[in-house]
Amino acid sequence: MTLESLAKQGREKIYTNLAEIDAAKLKKMRNETLRRCFSSFDDMKYKLDFVARINGMEFVNDASSRTPNATWYSLDTMEKPVIWIANGDVNDVDFEVLKPLALRKVRMLICVGYDNTRLHDTFAGSIPVIIDARNLAVALDKAFYSGIEDAVTLFSPACENGVSVADQGEEFTYCVNEL
């Protein structure tokens, strides 16, 4: 079977088939082996963590998504319109892979940082509203008062900015709880 024929089946069919293969392999494993495998996973803190729902707006903490590919997956899982909060101040990251998905899912991009030129240049024309915020607290205020109804505010940085995942994840959660 070629990669092209797999792609023609569609994403849902591919995921279903892969899950069936994994389930078949798991059935052959002994319980002790399964316990060892699953207990060795690190806790994926700040990976699509639901934080709160305030006045109909959901807030999701995805601080651990520090690459465009990780953010692509997170955006792809969103079923509602997205207000995306991303890290700016980075000029060596290629965000192009996110453009088609952003065009379909993102209603507003809030760029956190002081020089957000790269994000603006990449997503101009793909995302209806692109604004800047100097920090997460300001970004969350702008998202909350955006007027975009039934949306998910997703903090998915898409790049490193020198601040640890834990620090940004905790800051996001704290700021949401302060709204």
Protein backbone atom coordinates (compact mmCIF):
# COMPACT_ATOMS: atom_id res chain seq x y z
CA MET A 1 0.00 0.00 0.00
CA THR A 2 1.41 3.39 -0.96
CA LEU A 3 1.39 6.58 1.09
CA GLU A 4 -0.85 8.18 -1.54
CA SER A 5 -3.49 5.46 -1.24
CA LEU A 6 -3.44 5.85 2.54
CA ALA A 7 -3.91 9.61 2.23
CA LYS A 8 -6.93 9.15 -0.06
CA GLN A 9 -8.73 7.24 2.69
CA GLY A 10 -8.95 10.39 4.79
CA ARG A 11 -7.59 11.28 8.20
CA GLU A 12 -10.41 9.68 10.19
CA LYS A 13 -10.02 6.32 8.42
CA ILE A 14 -6.24 6.36 8.88
CA TYR A 15 -6.55 7.14 12.60
CA THR A 16 -9.17 4.41 13.02
CA ASN A 17 -6.97 1.84 11.27
CA LEU A 18 -3.92 2.81 13.31
CA ALA A 19 -5.95 2.56 16.52
CA GLU A 20 -7.13 -0.93 15.51
CA ILE A 21 -3.55 -2.03 14.89
CA ASP A 22 -2.50 -0.67 18.28
CA ALA A 23 -5.46 -2.39 19.98
CA ALA A 24 -4.52 -5.71 18.38
CA LYS A 25 -0.93 -5.34 19.57
CA LEU A 26 -2.07 -4.40 23.07
CA LYS A 27 -4.25 -7.51 23.33
CA LYS A 28 -1.15 -9.66 22.82
CA MET A 29 0.78 -7.94 25.62
CA ARG A 30 0.64 -9.15 29.19
CA ASN A 31 -0.90 -6.90 31.85
CA GLU A 32 2.44 -6.44 33.62
CA THR A 33 4.05 -5.18 30.40
CA LEU A 34 1.16 -2.75 29.86
CA ARG A 35 1.46 -1.41 33.41
CA ARG A 36 5.18 -0.77 32.91
CA CYS A 37 4.59 0.95 29.56
CA PHE A 38 1.86 3.28 30.78
CA SER A 39 3.51 4.09 34.10
CA SER A 40 6.64 5.29 32.31
CA PHE A 41 4.83 8.18 30.56
CA ASP A 42 5.60 11.60 31.95
CA ASP A 43 2.63 13.65 33.01
CA MET A 44 1.78 15.81 30.01
CA LYS A 45 1.03 18.93 31.96
CA TYR A 46 -0.06 21.94 29.92
CA LYS A 47 -1.00 19.86 26.88
CA LEU A 48 -4.55 20.85 25.91
CA ASP A 49 -5.52 21.34 29.56
CA PHE A 50 -9.00 22.77 29.99
CA VAL A 51 -8.71 25.64 32.48
CA ALA A 52 -12.16 27.28 32.68
CA ARG A 53 -15.35 28.27 30.93
CA ILE A 54 -16.28 31.90 31.59
CA ASN A 55 -19.37 33.47 30.02
CA GLY A 56 -19.42 30.78 27.34
CA MET A 57 -15.74 31.15 26.41
CA GLU A 58 -13.46 28.18 27.01
CA PHE A 59 -9.79 28.58 27.96
CA VAL A 60 -7.31 25.84 27.05
CA ASN A 61 -3.71 25.77 28.25
CA ASP A 62 -1.37 24.24 25.68
CA ALA A 63 1.87 25.81 26.92
CA SER A 64 3.82 22.64 26.15
CA SER A 65 3.28 23.08 22.38
CA ARG A 66 6.57 24.78 21.58
CA THR A 67 6.82 23.99 17.86
CA PRO A 68 4.58 24.79 14.89
CA ASN A 69 3.91 21.06 14.45
CA ALA A 70 2.73 20.67 18.05
CA THR A 71 0.51 23.72 17.69
CA TRP A 72 -0.83 22.33 14.40
CA TYR A 73 -2.08 19.25 16.24
CA SER A 74 -3.67 21.39 18.97
CA LEU A 75 -5.43 23.66 16.49
CA ASP A 76 -6.62 20.64 14.53
CA THR A 77 -8.38 19.22 17.60
CA MET A 78 -10.40 22.40 18.20
CA GLU A 79 -14.04 22.12 17.14
CA LYS A 80 -15.10 25.70 17.92
CA PRO A 81 -13.78 28.99 16.57
CA VAL A 82 -10.35 29.68 18.07
CA ILE A 83 -8.76 32.73 19.59
CA TRP A 84 -5.12 31.69 19.42
CA ILE A 85 -2.49 33.16 21.73
CA ALA A 86 1.04 32.58 20.39
CA ASN A 87 4.54 33.65 21.36
CA GLY A 88 6.08 36.44 19.32
CA ASP A 89 9.63 37.79 19.55
CA VAL A 90 10.94 34.86 17.48
CA ASN A 91 12.31 35.39 14.00
CA ASP A 92 13.76 31.96 13.18
CA VAL A 93 10.55 29.88 13.27
CA ASP A 94 8.63 29.01 10.11
CA PHE A 95 4.90 29.23 10.84
CA GLU A 96 3.84 28.48 7.24
CA VAL A 97 2.66 24.96 8.12
CA LEU A 98 -0.05 26.55 10.28
CA LYS A 99 -1.54 28.83 7.61
CA PRO A 100 -4.13 26.47 6.06
CA LEU A 101 -5.40 25.38 9.47
CA ALA A 102 -5.42 28.94 10.79
CA LEU A 103 -7.47 30.02 7.80
CA ARG A 104 -10.18 27.49 8.72
CA LYS A 105 -10.15 27.63 12.50
CA VAL A 106 -8.63 30.82 13.92
CA ARG A 107 -10.77 33.97 14.22
CA MET A 108 -8.24 36.01 16.16
CA LEU A 109 -4.48 35.74 16.76
CA ILE A 110 -3.00 37.45 19.78
CA CYS A 111 0.78 37.73 19.54
CA VAL A 112 2.53 37.93 22.92
CA GLY A 113 5.81 39.82 22.85
CA TYR A 114 7.38 43.04 21.68
CA ASP A 115 8.36 42.17 18.10
CA ASN A 116 5.61 40.10 16.50
CA THR A 117 6.54 40.88 12.91
CA ARG A 118 7.02 37.24 11.91
CA LEU A 119 3.54 36.23 13.09
CA HIS A 120 1.92 39.27 11.43
CA ASP A 121 3.74 38.65 8.13
CA THR A 122 2.86 34.96 8.07
CA PHE A 123 -0.83 35.20 8.96
CA ALA A 124 -1.87 38.49 7.36
CA GLY A 125 -4.78 37.62 5.07
CA SER A 126 -5.34 34.23 6.72
CA ILE A 127 -6.62 35.31 10.13
CA PRO A 128 -9.23 38.10 10.28
CA VAL A 129 -7.89 39.80 13.42
CA ILE A 130 -4.24 39.90 14.49
CA ILE A 131 -3.29 41.99 17.50
CA ASP A 132 -0.35 42.35 19.87
CA ALA A 133 -0.14 41.99 23.64
CA ARG A 134 2.91 42.56 25.78
CA ASN A 135 2.10 39.66 28.16
CA LEU A 136 -0.38 36.86 28.82
CA ALA A 137 -2.57 38.91 31.17
CA VAL A 138 -3.15 41.54 28.48
CA ALA A 139 -3.64 38.82 25.84
CA LEU A 140 -6.33 37.15 27.93
CA ASP A 141 -8.13 40.45 28.53
CA LYS A 142 -8.16 41.07 24.78
CA ALA A 143 -9.45 37.56 24.10
CA PHE A 144 -12.13 37.77 26.78
CA TYR A 145 -13.45 41.12 25.55
CA SER A 146 -13.08 40.30 21.84
CA GLY A 147 -16.79 39.76 21.29
CA ILE A 148 -16.16 36.43 19.55
CA GLU A 149 -18.92 34.18 20.85
CA ASP A 150 -18.73 30.45 21.52
CA ALA A 151 -14.96 30.45 21.08
CA VAL A 152 -12.04 28.61 22.58
CA THR A 153 -9.11 30.71 23.71
CA LEU A 154 -6.10 28.49 23.08
CA PHE A 155 -2.67 29.35 24.45
CA SER A 156 -0.39 27.36 22.17
CA PRO A 157 2.93 29.23 21.84
CA ALA A 158 4.23 27.48 18.67
CA CYS A 159 7.81 28.42 19.58
CA GLU A 160 10.28 28.84 22.42
CA ASN A 161 10.66 32.27 23.95
CA GLY A 162 13.08 31.67 26.80
CA VAL A 163 10.38 31.12 29.43
CA SER A 164 9.85 27.60 30.73
CA VAL A 165 6.74 25.58 29.91
CA ALA A 166 5.88 25.37 33.62
CA ASP A 167 6.20 29.12 34.15
CA GLN A 168 4.07 29.99 31.11
CA GLY A 169 1.55 27.27 31.91
CA GLU A 170 1.15 28.48 35.49
CA GLU A 171 0.94 32.11 34.37
CA PHE A 172 -1.79 31.32 31.85
CA THR A 173 -3.84 29.39 34.41
CA TYR A 174 -3.40 32.15 37.00
CA CYS A 175 -4.42 34.89 34.55
CA VAL A 176 -7.51 32.97 33.41
CA ASN A 177 -8.58 32.55 37.02
CA GLU A 178 -8.16 36.31 37.53
CA LEU A 179 -10.60 37.20 34.72
